[in-house]
Amino acid sequence: MVSKMNKLLVLLIALLLNGCATTVPVHMHFPQVPETLIANCPVLDPLTEDQNRLSDLLENANTNYGKHHECAAKHQAWQEWYNTQKKIFEEVK
């Protein structure tokens, strides 16, 4: 009687372990990039012919520097986001 019980227990354990082996695999996908980080940088403003005063030049340069620094900040945020997500993704795998 004990040997039948042991055989039944071994069979039950084998069936349970076999059921665990047939689970559906999980596929990991790298996350999508936020739209704000992949937007193109704005075009810098050129000087026009009627902007010939020094104040016009300085205003134009100030505007262009602002656009450049904003784009540089987005680029840095993109790099930080990508590196963080890649590190998390690789740790999970």
Protein backbone atom coordinates (compact mmCIF):
# COMPACT_ATOMS: atom_id res chain seq x y z
CA MET A 1 0.00 0.00 0.00
CA VAL A 2 2.86 2.38 0.82
CA SER A 3 4.54 1.79 -2.52
CA LYS A 4 1.31 2.62 -4.39
CA MET A 5 1.04 5.83 -2.41
CA ASN A 6 4.66 6.73 -3.21
CA LYS A 7 4.12 6.00 -6.90
CA LEU A 8 0.99 8.14 -6.91
CA LEU A 9 2.84 10.97 -5.14
CA VAL A 10 5.75 10.80 -7.62
CA LEU A 11 3.29 10.79 -10.53
CA LEU A 12 1.45 13.80 -9.10
CA ILE A 13 4.69 15.74 -8.58
CA ALA A 14 5.84 14.87 -12.12
CA LEU A 15 2.54 16.14 -13.57
CA LEU A 16 2.77 19.36 -11.60
CA LEU A 17 6.35 19.99 -12.68
CA ASN A 18 5.46 19.19 -16.29
CA GLY A 19 2.63 21.74 -16.13
CA CYS A 20 5.09 24.43 -15.00
CA ALA A 21 7.35 23.66 -17.94
CA THR A 22 4.63 24.48 -20.46
CA THR A 23 3.90 28.04 -19.37
CA VAL A 24 3.77 30.78 -21.97
CA PRO A 25 7.08 32.69 -22.27
CA VAL A 26 7.01 36.41 -21.52
CA HIS A 27 8.47 38.66 -24.22
CA MET A 28 10.03 41.87 -22.99
CA HIS A 29 9.81 44.95 -25.21
CA PHE A 30 11.96 48.03 -24.81
CA PRO A 31 9.75 50.98 -23.73
CA GLN A 32 8.64 53.66 -26.18
CA VAL A 33 10.38 57.03 -26.12
CA PRO A 34 8.33 59.99 -24.82
CA GLU A 35 7.35 62.32 -27.68
CA THR A 36 8.89 65.37 -26.00
CA LEU A 37 12.32 63.77 -26.11
CA ILE A 38 12.29 62.91 -29.82
CA ALA A 39 10.91 66.20 -31.13
CA ASN A 40 13.18 67.99 -33.59
CA CYS A 41 15.12 71.02 -32.43
CA PRO A 42 13.69 74.34 -33.58
CA VAL A 43 15.31 76.14 -36.48
CA LEU A 44 17.50 79.04 -35.36
CA ASP A 45 16.40 82.50 -36.43
CA PRO A 46 18.60 84.11 -39.10
CA LEU A 47 19.20 87.84 -39.17
CA THR A 48 17.22 89.72 -41.80
CA GLU A 49 18.59 92.63 -43.79
CA ASP A 50 16.57 95.20 -41.85
CA GLN A 51 18.10 93.98 -38.57
CA ASN A 52 21.34 95.90 -38.81
CA ARG A 53 21.53 97.39 -35.34
CA LEU A 54 23.63 95.91 -32.55
CA SER A 55 20.51 95.50 -30.40
CA ASP A 56 18.91 93.39 -33.17
CA LEU A 57 22.01 91.22 -33.33
CA LEU A 58 22.05 90.73 -29.56
CA GLU A 59 18.33 89.94 -29.43
CA ASN A 60 18.71 87.40 -32.23
CA ALA A 61 21.73 85.81 -30.57
CA ASN A 62 19.91 85.65 -27.24
CA THR A 63 16.89 83.95 -28.86
CA ASN A 64 19.10 81.46 -30.69
CA TYR A 65 21.13 80.67 -27.58
CA GLY A 66 17.88 80.00 -25.71
CA LYS A 67 16.69 77.61 -28.43
CA HIS A 68 20.07 75.89 -28.46
CA HIS A 69 20.16 75.39 -24.69
CA GLU A 70 16.58 74.08 -24.68
CA CYS A 71 17.50 71.57 -27.38
CA ALA A 72 20.67 70.59 -25.49
CA ALA A 73 18.58 69.98 -22.34
CA LYS A 74 16.20 67.74 -24.31
CA HIS A 75 19.15 65.85 -25.74
CA GLN A 76 20.63 65.32 -22.28
CA ALA A 77 17.22 64.20 -20.95
CA TRP A 78 16.98 61.75 -23.87
CA GLN A 79 20.37 60.26 -23.04
CA GLU A 80 19.53 59.92 -19.34
CA TRP A 81 16.14 58.34 -20.14
CA TYR A 82 17.65 55.90 -22.63
CA ASN A 83 20.51 54.83 -20.36
CA THR A 84 18.17 54.35 -17.38
CA GLN A 85 15.63 52.35 -19.39
CA LYS A 86 18.35 50.22 -20.97
CA LYS A 87 19.85 49.45 -17.56
CA ILE A 88 16.44 48.46 -16.16
CA PHE A 89 15.65 46.38 -19.24
CA GLU A 90 18.93 44.49 -19.07
CA GLU A 91 18.59 43.85 -15.32
CA VAL A 92 15.17 42.26 -15.84
CA LYS A 93 16.40 39.96 -18.60
